[in-house]
Amino acid sequence: MGFLDQMKQLMEIKQRMEDVKKKLDAIEVVCQNDYVKVIATGNRKIKTISVLKTDDQAALERNLQIAINEALEKSDAIMQSEMMGATKGMMPNDMPGLG
């Protein structure tokens, strides 16, 4: 593969990554428990945090942390899946971690 072919392939990968990023911005991950509801995008950005119950400050803080972490973990899994799908078959198989 020549230099121009490699540059073309890199530009195609870049465009696919930009397309995936736009797609991930539109995906919403919702995590809710008794105290809070957290909505994040597929790009790991918190969109909203809604407090549902405030009777126990310690429980509220603990449940808020749990819901945020869960939303970010789910968002991360979606992001990884989308990125892998976007680059499938485009990266050389002889590069560890990229094929």
Protein backbone atom coordinates (compact mmCIF):
# COMPACT_ATOMS: atom_id res chain seq x y z
CA MET A 1 0.00 0.00 0.00
CA GLY A 2 1.44 3.34 -1.05
CA PHE A 3 1.62 6.53 0.92
CA LEU A 4 -1.40 8.08 -0.86
CA ASP A 5 -3.47 4.97 -0.18
CA GLN A 6 -2.53 5.14 3.50
CA MET A 7 -3.45 8.83 3.68
CA LYS A 8 -6.78 8.12 2.01
CA GLN A 9 -7.45 5.33 4.49
CA LEU A 10 -6.55 7.59 7.44
CA MET A 11 -8.90 10.29 6.17
CA GLU A 12 -11.67 7.70 5.83
CA ILE A 13 -11.06 6.51 9.39
CA LYS A 14 -11.14 10.11 10.63
CA GLN A 15 -14.49 10.70 8.88
CA ARG A 16 -15.92 7.50 10.34
CA MET A 17 -14.80 8.55 13.83
CA GLU A 18 -16.49 11.94 13.42
CA ASP A 19 -19.67 10.19 12.27
CA VAL A 20 -19.55 7.87 15.29
CA LYS A 21 -19.04 10.83 17.63
CA LYS A 22 -22.17 12.51 16.23
CA LYS A 23 -24.10 9.26 16.61
CA LEU A 24 -22.90 8.88 20.22
CA ASP A 25 -24.02 12.44 21.03
CA ALA A 26 -27.56 11.39 20.09
CA ILE A 27 -27.58 8.22 22.23
CA GLU A 28 -28.93 8.59 25.77
CA VAL A 29 -28.08 6.31 28.66
CA VAL A 30 -30.51 6.51 31.59
CA CYS A 31 -29.65 5.21 35.07
CA GLN A 32 -32.07 5.61 37.93
CA ASN A 33 -32.47 4.49 41.52
CA ASP A 34 -34.74 5.58 44.37
CA TYR A 35 -32.85 8.85 44.88
CA VAL A 36 -31.59 10.08 41.51
CA LYS A 37 -31.95 9.79 37.75
CA VAL A 38 -28.89 10.42 35.57
CA ILE A 39 -28.93 10.78 31.79
CA ALA A 40 -25.65 10.68 29.87
CA THR A 41 -24.76 10.65 26.18
CA GLY A 42 -22.90 7.87 24.44
CA ASN A 43 -19.88 10.23 24.56
CA ARG A 44 -19.79 10.07 28.37
CA LYS A 45 -21.27 13.53 28.92
CA ILE A 46 -23.82 13.97 31.69
CA LYS A 47 -26.94 15.64 30.24
CA THR A 48 -29.15 15.78 33.33
CA ILE A 49 -29.21 14.81 36.97
CA SER A 50 -32.62 14.72 38.62
CA VAL A 51 -32.98 14.38 42.39
CA LEU A 52 -36.02 12.21 43.13
CA LYS A 53 -35.78 11.90 46.91
CA THR A 54 -33.96 14.03 49.50
CA ASP A 55 -34.88 12.57 52.88
CA ASP A 56 -31.38 11.18 53.61
CA GLN A 57 -28.40 13.29 52.52
CA ALA A 58 -25.84 10.46 52.86
CA ALA A 59 -28.02 8.03 50.90
CA LEU A 60 -28.65 10.69 48.25
CA GLU A 61 -24.92 11.32 47.79
CA ARG A 62 -24.13 7.59 47.69
CA ASN A 63 -26.91 6.88 45.16
CA LEU A 64 -25.89 9.86 43.05
CA GLN A 65 -22.35 8.50 42.80
CA ILE A 66 -23.64 5.03 41.94
CA ALA A 67 -25.96 6.33 39.22
CA ILE A 68 -23.30 8.57 37.64
CA ASN A 69 -20.72 5.78 37.60
CA GLU A 70 -23.24 3.34 36.11
CA ALA A 71 -24.21 5.85 33.40
CA LEU A 72 -20.57 6.48 32.51
CA GLU A 73 -19.76 2.75 32.42
CA LYS A 74 -22.71 2.04 30.11
CA SER A 75 -21.80 5.03 27.96
CA ASP A 76 -18.20 3.83 27.73
CA ALA A 77 -19.30 0.36 26.61
CA ILE A 78 -21.48 1.88 23.88
CA MET A 79 -18.64 4.16 22.76
CA GLN A 80 -16.15 1.29 22.53
CA SER A 81 -18.59 -0.83 20.56
CA GLU A 82 -19.34 1.97 18.09
CA MET A 83 -15.66 2.81 17.61
CA MET A 84 -14.74 -0.82 17.00
CA GLY A 85 -17.52 -1.10 14.44
CA ALA A 86 -16.35 2.05 12.67
CA THR A 87 -12.78 0.83 12.24
CA LYS A 88 -13.49 -2.85 11.58
CA GLY A 89 -11.54 -4.07 8.58
CA MET A 90 -9.65 -0.81 8.19
CA MET A 91 -6.75 -1.21 10.58
CA PRO A 92 -3.79 -3.51 9.87
CA ASN A 93 -4.01 -6.82 11.70
CA ASP A 94 -0.32 -6.82 12.54
CA MET A 95 -0.61 -3.86 14.89
CA PRO A 96 -1.36 -5.08 18.44
CA GLY A 97 -4.57 -3.67 19.85
CA LEU A 98 -5.65 -2.09 16.57
CA GLY A 99 -6.71 -5.03 14.41
